[in-house]
Amino acid sequence: MPLFNSQQQHDRGIRWLGTGATVVIELLVLLALAFAVVRYVEWSSDAAQAEFMSATKSSASDLNHLPVSSAPIQPEKDPTCRRER
């Protein structure tokens, strides 16, 4: 039965080789996913910052161009003084 023993040892070698290849592929996929997540977070952060900066610039320019009301400003009436009808 030496043929059976040598065949069994050869199968173990193939299993280790297959397991090693699977681990390497899984690590490569994990690294690719991690890289994609980091790039997405950087991209979304840049996009959010650009949106915030454009909103800040527009609101700052709006402060310089406040609308002028045509209605005269009236002083607030004293709440303790009531008008009778």
PDB file of N, CA and C in Angstrom:
ATOM      1  N   MET A   1       0.787  -1.193   0.000  1.00  0.00           N
ATOM      2  CA  MET A   1       0.000   0.000   0.000  1.00  0.00           C
ATOM      3  C   MET A   1       0.840   1.273   0.000  1.00  0.00           C
ATOM      4  N   PRO A   2       2.047   1.264  -0.435  1.00  0.00           N
ATOM      5  CA  PRO A   2       2.823   2.500  -0.473  1.00  0.00           C
ATOM      6  C   PRO A   2       2.235   3.488  -1.463  1.00  0.00           C
ATOM      7  N   LEU A   3       1.584   3.010  -2.502  1.00  0.00           N
ATOM      8  CA  LEU A   3       0.984   3.913  -3.480  1.00  0.00           C
ATOM      9  C   LEU A   3      -0.106   4.756  -2.834  1.00  0.00           C
ATOM     10  N   PHE A   4      -0.890   4.157  -1.955  1.00  0.00           N
ATOM     11  CA  PHE A   4      -1.966   4.875  -1.300  1.00  0.00           C
ATOM     12  C   PHE A   4      -1.412   5.964  -0.379  1.00  0.00           C
ATOM     13  N   ASN A   5      -0.339   5.635   0.379  1.00  0.00           N
ATOM     14  CA  ASN A   5       0.253   6.621   1.277  1.00  0.00           C
ATOM     15  C   ASN A   5       0.846   7.802   0.506  1.00  0.00           C
ATOM     16  N   SER A   6       1.541   7.560  -0.580  1.00  0.00           N
ATOM     17  CA  SER A   6       2.140   8.651  -1.348  1.00  0.00           C
ATOM     18  C   SER A   6       1.043   9.513  -1.995  1.00  0.00           C
ATOM     19  N   GLN A   7      -0.041   8.874  -2.422  1.00  0.00           N
ATOM     20  CA  GLN A   7      -1.162   9.624  -2.994  1.00  0.00           C
ATOM     21  C   GLN A   7      -1.786  10.521  -1.934  1.00  0.00           C
ATOM     22  N   GLN A   8      -1.913  10.037  -0.702  1.00  0.00           N
ATOM     23  CA  GLN A   8      -2.513  10.812   0.376  1.00  0.00           C
ATOM     24  C   GLN A   8      -1.618  12.002   0.736  1.00  0.00           C
ATOM     25  N   GLN A   9      -0.312  11.842   0.771  1.00  0.00           N
ATOM     26  CA  GLN A   9       0.593  12.945   1.054  1.00  0.00           C
ATOM     27  C   GLN A   9       0.545  13.978  -0.065  1.00  0.00           C
ATOM     28  N   HIS A  10       0.436  13.524  -1.287  1.00  0.00           N
ATOM     29  CA  HIS A  10       0.340  14.444  -2.423  1.00  0.00           C
ATOM     30  C   HIS A  10      -0.944  15.268  -2.339  1.00  0.00           C
ATOM     31  N   ASP A  11      -2.055  14.644  -1.933  1.00  0.00           N
ATOM     32  CA  ASP A  11      -3.325  15.364  -1.780  1.00  0.00           C
ATOM     33  C   ASP A  11      -3.222  16.432  -0.684  1.00  0.00           C
ATOM     34  N   ARG A  12      -2.500  16.128   0.398  1.00  0.00           N
ATOM     35  CA  ARG A  12      -2.323  17.120   1.463  1.00  0.00           C
ATOM     36  C   ARG A  12      -1.552  18.330   0.946  1.00  0.00           C
ATOM     37  N   GLY A  13      -0.566  18.107   0.131  1.00  0.00           N
ATOM     38  CA  GLY A  13       0.203  19.213  -0.446  1.00  0.00           C
ATOM     39  C   GLY A  13      -0.659  20.088  -1.323  1.00  0.00           C
ATOM     40  N   ILE A  14      -1.532  19.492  -2.087  1.00  0.00           N
ATOM     41  CA  ILE A  14      -2.435  20.250  -2.950  1.00  0.00           C
ATOM     42  C   ILE A  14      -3.422  21.032  -2.089  1.00  0.00           C
ATOM     43  N   ARG A  15      -3.886  20.460  -1.003  1.00  0.00           N
ATOM     44  CA  ARG A  15      -4.817  21.162  -0.118  1.00  0.00           C
ATOM     45  C   ARG A  15      -4.157  22.398   0.497  1.00  0.00           C
ATOM     46  N   TRP A  16      -2.894  22.248   0.947  1.00  0.00           N
ATOM     47  CA  TRP A  16      -2.207  23.401   1.521  1.00  0.00           C
ATOM     48  C   TRP A  16      -1.977  24.471   0.472  1.00  0.00           C
ATOM     49  N   LEU A  17      -1.655  24.055  -0.725  1.00  0.00           N
ATOM     50  CA  LEU A  17      -1.442  25.014  -1.803  1.00  0.00           C
ATOM     51  C   LEU A  17      -2.743  25.753  -2.126  1.00  0.00           C
ATOM     52  N   GLY A  18      -3.832  25.012  -2.181  1.00  0.00           N
ATOM     53  CA  GLY A  18      -5.133  25.627  -2.433  1.00  0.00           C
ATOM     54  C   GLY A  18      -5.561  26.542  -1.303  1.00  0.00           C
ATOM     55  N   THR A  19      -5.302  26.152  -0.068  1.00  0.00           N
ATOM     56  CA  THR A  19      -5.638  26.979   1.086  1.00  0.00           C
ATOM     57  C   THR A  19      -4.812  28.255   1.080  1.00  0.00           C
ATOM     58  N   GLY A  20      -3.534  28.134   0.781  1.00  0.00           N
ATOM     59  CA  GLY A  20      -2.664  29.311   0.719  1.00  0.00           C
ATOM     60  C   GLY A  20      -3.098  30.277  -0.371  1.00  0.00           C
ATOM     61  N   ALA A  21      -3.454  29.738  -1.524  1.00  0.00           N
ATOM     62  CA  ALA A  21      -3.915  30.590  -2.621  1.00  0.00           C
ATOM     63  C   ALA A  21      -5.219  31.289  -2.245  1.00  0.00           C
ATOM     64  N   THR A  22      -6.110  30.571  -1.578  1.00  0.00           N
ATOM     65  CA  THR A  22      -7.380  31.170  -1.152  1.00  0.00           C
ATOM     66  C   THR A  22      -7.135  32.298  -0.152  1.00  0.00           C
ATOM     67  N   VAL A  23      -6.233  32.099   0.787  1.00  0.00           N
ATOM     68  CA  VAL A  23      -5.921  33.131   1.782  1.00  0.00           C
ATOM     69  C   VAL A  23      -5.332  34.362   1.100  1.00  0.00           C
ATOM     70  N   VAL A  24      -4.431  34.158   0.145  1.00  0.00           N
ATOM     71  CA  VAL A  24      -3.826  35.290  -0.570  1.00  0.00           C
ATOM     72  C   VAL A  24      -4.892  36.065  -1.348  1.00  0.00           C
ATOM     73  N   ILE A  25      -5.780  35.361  -2.012  1.00  0.00           N
ATOM     74  CA  ILE A  25      -6.844  36.016  -2.771  1.00  0.00           C
ATOM     75  C   ILE A  25      -7.774  36.781  -1.824  1.00  0.00           C
ATOM     76  N   GLU A  26      -8.111  36.169  -0.686  1.00  0.00           N
ATOM     77  CA  GLU A  26      -8.974  36.854   0.280  1.00  0.00           C
ATOM     78  C   GLU A  26      -8.308  38.121   0.815  1.00  0.00           C
ATOM     79  N   LEU A  27      -7.016  38.070   1.070  1.00  0.00           N
ATOM     80  CA  LEU A  27      -6.293  39.254   1.540  1.00  0.00           C
ATOM     81  C   LEU A  27      -6.265  40.343   0.476  1.00  0.00           C
ATOM     82  N   LEU A  28      -6.080  39.955  -0.778  1.00  0.00           N
ATOM     83  CA  LEU A  28      -6.094  40.942  -1.857  1.00  0.00           C
ATOM     84  C   LEU A  28      -7.461  41.605  -1.997  1.00  0.00           C
ATOM     85  N   VAL A  29      -8.516  40.809  -1.883  1.00  0.00           N
ATOM     86  CA  VAL A  29      -9.871  41.369  -1.951  1.00  0.00           C
ATOM     87  C   VAL A  29     -10.116  42.292  -0.765  1.00  0.00           C
ATOM     88  N   LEU A  30      -9.668  41.895   0.421  1.00  0.00           N
ATOM     89  CA  LEU A  30      -9.834  42.723   1.609  1.00  0.00           C
ATOM     90  C   LEU A  30      -9.076  44.046   1.458  1.00  0.00           C
ATOM     91  N   LEU A  31      -7.857  44.007   0.944  1.00  0.00           N
ATOM     92  CA  LEU A  31      -7.094  45.237   0.727  1.00  0.00           C
ATOM     93  C   LEU A  31      -7.758  46.131  -0.318  1.00  0.00           C
ATOM     94  N   ALA A  32      -8.287  45.524  -1.374  1.00  0.00           N
ATOM     95  CA  ALA A  32      -8.974  46.311  -2.401  1.00  0.00           C
ATOM     96  C   ALA A  32     -10.213  46.984  -1.829  1.00  0.00           C
ATOM     97  N   LEU A  33     -10.970  46.270  -1.008  1.00  0.00           N
ATOM     98  CA  LEU A  33     -12.158  46.865  -0.380  1.00  0.00           C
ATOM     99  C   LEU A  33     -11.774  47.980   0.587  1.00  0.00           C
ATOM    100  N   ALA A  34     -10.724  47.771   1.357  1.00  0.00           N
ATOM    101  CA  ALA A  34     -10.272  48.803   2.289  1.00  0.00           C
ATOM    102  C   ALA A  34      -9.830  50.050   1.522  1.00  0.00           C
ATOM    103  N   PHE A  35      -9.108  49.871   0.438  1.00  0.00           N
ATOM    104  CA  PHE A  35      -8.672  50.996  -0.392  1.00  0.00           C
ATOM    105  C   PHE A  35      -9.887  51.731  -0.959  1.00  0.00           C
ATOM    106  N   ALA A  36     -10.890  50.978  -1.433  1.00  0.00           N
ATOM    107  CA  ALA A  36     -12.089  51.596  -1.995  1.00  0.00           C
ATOM    108  C   ALA A  36     -12.853  52.387  -0.931  1.00  0.00           C
ATOM    109  N   VAL A  37     -12.936  51.873   0.276  1.00  0.00           N
ATOM    110  CA  VAL A  37     -13.641  52.577   1.352  1.00  0.00           C
ATOM    111  C   VAL A  37     -12.904  53.864   1.709  1.00  0.00           C
ATOM    112  N   VAL A  38     -11.588  53.795   1.826  1.00  0.00           N
ATOM    113  CA  VAL A  38     -10.811  54.988   2.153  1.00  0.00           C
ATOM    114  C   VAL A  38     -10.960  56.043   1.066  1.00  0.00           C
ATOM    115  N   ARG A  39     -10.888  55.640  -0.188  1.00  0.00           N
ATOM    116  CA  ARG A  39     -11.044  56.597  -1.294  1.00  0.00           C
ATOM    117  C   ARG A  39     -12.442  57.206  -1.301  1.00  0.00           C
ATOM    118  N   TYR A  40     -13.470  56.402  -1.014  1.00  0.00           N
ATOM    119  CA  TYR A  40     -14.840  56.920  -0.975  1.00  0.00           C
ATOM    120  C   TYR A  40     -15.003  57.950   0.140  1.00  0.00           C
ATOM    121  N   VAL A  41     -14.432  57.659   1.309  1.00  0.00           N
ATOM    122  CA  VAL A  41     -14.540  58.594   2.429  1.00  0.00           C
ATOM    123  C   VAL A  41     -13.815  59.897   2.088  1.00  0.00           C
ATOM    124  N   GLU A  42     -12.642  59.803   1.480  1.00  0.00           N
ATOM    125  CA  GLU A  42     -11.926  61.012   1.070  1.00  0.00           C
ATOM    126  C   GLU A  42     -12.728  61.798   0.042  1.00  0.00           C
ATOM    127  N   TRP A  43     -13.299  61.102  -0.933  1.00  0.00           N
ATOM    128  CA  TRP A  43     -14.074  61.766  -1.983  1.00  0.00           C
ATOM    129  C   TRP A  43     -15.302  62.452  -1.398  1.00  0.00           C
ATOM    130  N   SER A  44     -16.032  61.729  -0.534  1.00  0.00           N
ATOM    131  CA  SER A  44     -17.248  62.322   0.022  1.00  0.00           C
ATOM    132  C   SER A  44     -16.914  63.482   0.952  1.00  0.00           C
ATOM    133  N   SER A  45     -15.792  63.394   1.639  1.00  0.00           N
ATOM    134  CA  SER A  45     -15.368  64.495   2.499  1.00  0.00           C
ATOM    135  C   SER A  45     -15.021  65.720   1.666  1.00  0.00           C
ATOM    136  N   ASP A  46     -14.302  65.511   0.567  1.00  0.00           N
ATOM    137  CA  ASP A  46     -13.969  66.627  -0.322  1.00  0.00           C
ATOM    138  C   ASP A  46     -15.232  67.247  -0.911  1.00  0.00           C
ATOM    139  N   ALA A  47     -16.184  66.405  -1.294  1.00  0.00           N
ATOM    140  CA  ALA A  47     -17.431  66.911  -1.872  1.00  0.00           C
ATOM    141  C   ALA A  47     -18.227  67.698  -0.831  1.00  0.00           C
ATOM    142  N   ALA A  48     -18.279  67.187   0.390  1.00  0.00           N
ATOM    143  CA  ALA A  48     -19.012  67.890   1.447  1.00  0.00           C
ATOM    144  C   ALA A  48     -18.333  69.215   1.793  1.00  0.00           C
ATOM    145  N   GLN A  49     -17.010  69.206   1.807  1.00  0.00           N
ATOM    146  CA  GLN A  49     -16.288  70.438   2.105  1.00  0.00           C
ATOM    147  C   GLN A  49     -16.512  71.469   1.009  1.00  0.00           C
ATOM    148  N   ALA A  50     -16.488  71.042  -0.249  1.00  0.00           N
ATOM    149  CA  ALA A  50     -16.731  71.960  -1.355  1.00  0.00           C
ATOM    150  C   ALA A  50     -18.148  72.528  -1.287  1.00  0.00           C
ATOM    151  N   GLU A  51     -19.111  71.686  -0.956  1.00  0.00           N
ATOM    152  CA  GLU A  51     -20.494  72.153  -0.831  1.00  0.00           C
ATOM    153  C   GLU A  51     -20.617  73.149   0.317  1.00  0.00           C
ATOM    154  N   PHE A  52     -19.959  72.861   1.436  1.00  0.00           N
ATOM    155  CA  PHE A  52     -19.997  73.756   2.583  1.00  0.00           C
ATOM    156  C   PHE A  52     -19.349  75.096   2.244  1.00  0.00           C
ATOM    157  N   MET A  53     -18.217  75.045   1.554  1.00  0.00           N
ATOM    158  CA  MET A  53     -17.517  76.281   1.214  1.00  0.00           C
ATOM    159  C   MET A  53     -18.350  77.120   0.245  1.00  0.00           C
ATOM    160  N   SER A  54     -19.014  76.490  -0.709  1.00  0.00           N
ATOM    161  CA  SER A  54     -19.840  77.255  -1.644  1.00  0.00           C
ATOM    162  C   SER A  54     -21.048  77.855  -0.926  1.00  0.00           C
ATOM    163  N   ALA A  55     -21.605  77.133   0.029  1.00  0.00           N
ATOM    164  CA  ALA A  55     -22.730  77.669   0.798  1.00  0.00           C
ATOM    165  C   ALA A  55     -22.268  78.817   1.687  1.00  0.00           C
ATOM    166  N   THR A  56     -21.080  78.699   2.245  1.00  0.00           N
ATOM    167  CA  THR A  56     -20.536  79.753   3.098  1.00  0.00           C
ATOM    168  C   THR A  56     -20.274  81.009   2.287  1.00  0.00           C
ATOM    169  N   LYS A  57     -19.716  80.834   1.098  1.00  0.00           N
ATOM    170  CA  LYS A  57     -19.431  81.987   0.252  1.00  0.00           C
ATOM    171  C   LYS A  57     -20.722  82.688  -0.165  1.00  0.00           C
ATOM    172  N   SER A  58     -21.748  81.934  -0.503  1.00  0.00           N
ATOM    173  CA  SER A  58     -23.005  82.554  -0.938  1.00  0.00           C
ATOM    174  C   SER A  58     -23.700  83.247   0.224  1.00  0.00           C
ATOM    175  N   SER A  59     -23.637  82.676   1.425  1.00  0.00           N
ATOM    176  CA  SER A  59     -24.284  83.332   2.560  1.00  0.00           C
ATOM    177  C   SER A  59     -23.499  84.565   2.983  1.00  0.00           C
ATOM    178  N   ALA A  60     -22.175  84.559   2.826  1.00  0.00           N
ATOM    179  CA  ALA A  60     -21.376  85.739   3.149  1.00  0.00           C
ATOM    180  C   ALA A  60     -21.659  86.862   2.160  1.00  0.00           C
ATOM    181  N   SER A  61     -21.840  86.520   0.907  1.00  0.00           N
ATOM    182  CA  SER A  61     -22.154  87.553  -0.075  1.00  0.00           C
ATOM    183  C   SER A  61     -23.585  88.058   0.105  1.00  0.00           C
ATOM    184  N   ASP A  62     -24.470  87.220   0.626  1.00  0.00           N
ATOM    185  CA  ASP A  62     -25.843  87.650   0.898  1.00  0.00           C
ATOM    186  C   ASP A  62     -25.886  88.687   2.014  1.00  0.00           C
ATOM    187  N   LEU A  63     -24.964  88.593   2.966  1.00  0.00           N
ATOM    188  CA  LEU A  63     -24.934  89.567   4.062  1.00  0.00           C
ATOM    189  C   LEU A  63     -24.601  90.965   3.547  1.00  0.00           C
ATOM    190  N   ASN A  64     -23.803  91.051   2.506  1.00  0.00           N
ATOM    191  CA  ASN A  64     -23.444  92.347   1.941  1.00  0.00           C
ATOM    192  C   ASN A  64     -24.585  92.950   1.132  1.00  0.00           C
ATOM    193  N   HIS A  65     -25.504  92.115   0.711  1.00  0.00           N
ATOM    194  CA  HIS A  65     -26.611  92.571  -0.139  1.00  0.00           C
ATOM    195  C   HIS A  65     -27.940  92.265   0.535  1.00  0.00           C
ATOM    196  N   LEU A  66     -28.114  92.804   1.733  1.00  0.00           N
ATOM    197  CA  LEU A  66     -29.375  92.577   2.431  1.00  0.00           C
ATOM    198  C   LEU A  66     -30.493  93.354   1.755  1.00  0.00           C
ATOM    199  N   PRO A  67     -31.660  92.774   1.644  1.00  0.00           N
ATOM    200  CA  PRO A  67     -32.778  93.494   1.021  1.00  0.00           C
ATOM    201  C   PRO A  67     -33.218  94.655   1.906  1.00  0.00           C
ATOM    202  N   VAL A  68     -33.554  95.750   1.278  1.00  0.00           N
ATOM    203  CA  VAL A  68     -34.014  96.925   2.007  1.00  0.00           C
ATOM    204  C   VAL A  68     -35.537  96.906   2.003  1.00  0.00           C
ATOM    205  N   SER A  69     -36.105  97.019   3.178  1.00  0.00           N
ATOM    206  CA  SER A  69     -37.544  96.990   3.297  1.00  0.00           C
ATOM    207  C   SER A  69     -38.098  98.374   2.984  1.00  0.00           C
ATOM    208  N   SER A  70     -39.216  98.407   2.278  1.00  0.00           N
ATOM    209  CA  SER A  70     -39.837  99.693   1.963  1.00  0.00           C
ATOM    210  C   SER A  70     -40.749 100.149   3.094  1.00  0.00           C
ATOM    211  N   ALA A  71     -41.106  99.246   4.000  1.00  0.00           N
ATOM    212  CA  ALA A  71     -41.975  99.606   5.119  1.00  0.00           C
ATOM    213  C   ALA A  71     -41.124 100.254   6.206  1.00  0.00           C
ATOM    214  N   PRO A  72     -41.626 101.308   6.799  1.00  0.00           N
ATOM    215  CA  PRO A  72     -40.857 101.954   7.875  1.00  0.00           C
ATOM    216  C   PRO A  72     -40.816 101.063   9.112  1.00  0.00           C
ATOM    217  N   ILE A  73     -39.736 101.142   9.836  1.00  0.00           N
ATOM    218  CA  ILE A  73     -39.581 100.351  11.050  1.00  0.00           C
ATOM    219  C   ILE A  73     -40.269 101.085  12.188  1.00  0.00           C
ATOM    220  N   GLN A  74     -41.174 100.390  12.864  1.00  0.00           N
ATOM    221  CA  GLN A  74     -41.906 100.988  13.973  1.00  0.00           C
ATOM    222  C   GLN A  74     -41.365 100.427  15.277  1.00  0.00           C
ATOM    223  N   PRO A  75     -41.247 101.269  16.285  1.00  0.00           N
ATOM    224  CA  PRO A  75     -40.769 100.766  17.571  1.00  0.00           C
ATOM    225  C   PRO A  75     -41.768  99.794  18.170  1.00  0.00           C
ATOM    226  N   GLU A  76     -41.266  98.863  18.949  1.00  0.00           N
ATOM    227  CA  GLU A  76     -42.125  97.870  19.583  1.00  0.00           C
ATOM    228  C   GLU A  76     -42.954  98.546  20.662  1.00  0.00           C
ATOM    229  N   LYS A  77     -44.235  98.201  20.693  1.00  0.00           N
ATOM    230  CA  LYS A  77     -45.141  98.804  21.673  1.00  0.00           C
ATOM    231  C   LYS A  77     -44.950  98.150  23.026  1.00  0.00           C
ATOM    232  N   ASP A  78     -45.177  98.912  24.048  1.00  0.00           N
ATOM    233  CA  ASP A  78     -45.064  98.421  25.403  1.00  0.00           C
ATOM    234  C   ASP A  78     -46.214  97.447  25.647  1.00  0.00           C
ATOM    235  N   PRO A  79     -45.931  96.181  26.029  1.00  0.00           N
ATOM    236  CA  PRO A  79     -47.004  95.201  26.219  1.00  0.00           C
ATOM    237  C   PRO A  79     -47.893  95.531  27.411  1.00  0.00           C
ATOM    238  N   THR A  80     -47.423  96.356  28.337  1.00  0.00           N
ATOM    239  CA  THR A  80     -48.259  96.703  29.495  1.00  0.00           C
ATOM    240  C   THR A  80     -49.295  97.753  29.139  1.00  0.00           C
ATOM    241  N   CYS A  81     -49.042  98.463  28.082  1.00  0.00           N
ATOM    242  CA  CYS A  81     -49.971  99.510  27.645  1.00  0.00           C
ATOM    243  C   CYS A  81     -50.877  98.924  26.589  1.00  0.00           C
ATOM    244  N   ARG A  82     -52.180  98.786  26.907  1.00  0.00           N
ATOM    245  CA  ARG A  82     -53.126  98.195  25.951  1.00  0.00           C
ATOM    246  C   ARG A  82     -54.071  99.269  25.449  1.00  0.00           C
ATOM    247  N   ARG A  83     -54.414  99.093  24.189  1.00  0.00           N
ATOM    248  CA  ARG A  83     -55.406  99.993  23.609  1.00  0.00           C
ATOM    249  C   ARG A  83     -56.788  99.443  23.874  1.00  0.00           C
ATOM    250  N   GLU A  84     -57.680 100.299  24.244  1.00  0.00           N
ATOM    251  CA  GLU A  84     -59.056  99.864  24.471  1.00  0.00           C
ATOM    252  C   GLU A  84     -59.837 100.050  23.192  1.00  0.00           C
ATOM    253  N   ARG A  85     -60.780  99.196  22.961  1.00  0.00           N
ATOM    254  CA  ARG A  85     -61.596  99.278  21.755  1.00  0.00           C
ATOM    255  C   ARG A  85     -62.938  99.785  22.074  1.00  0.00           C
TER     256      ARG A  85
END
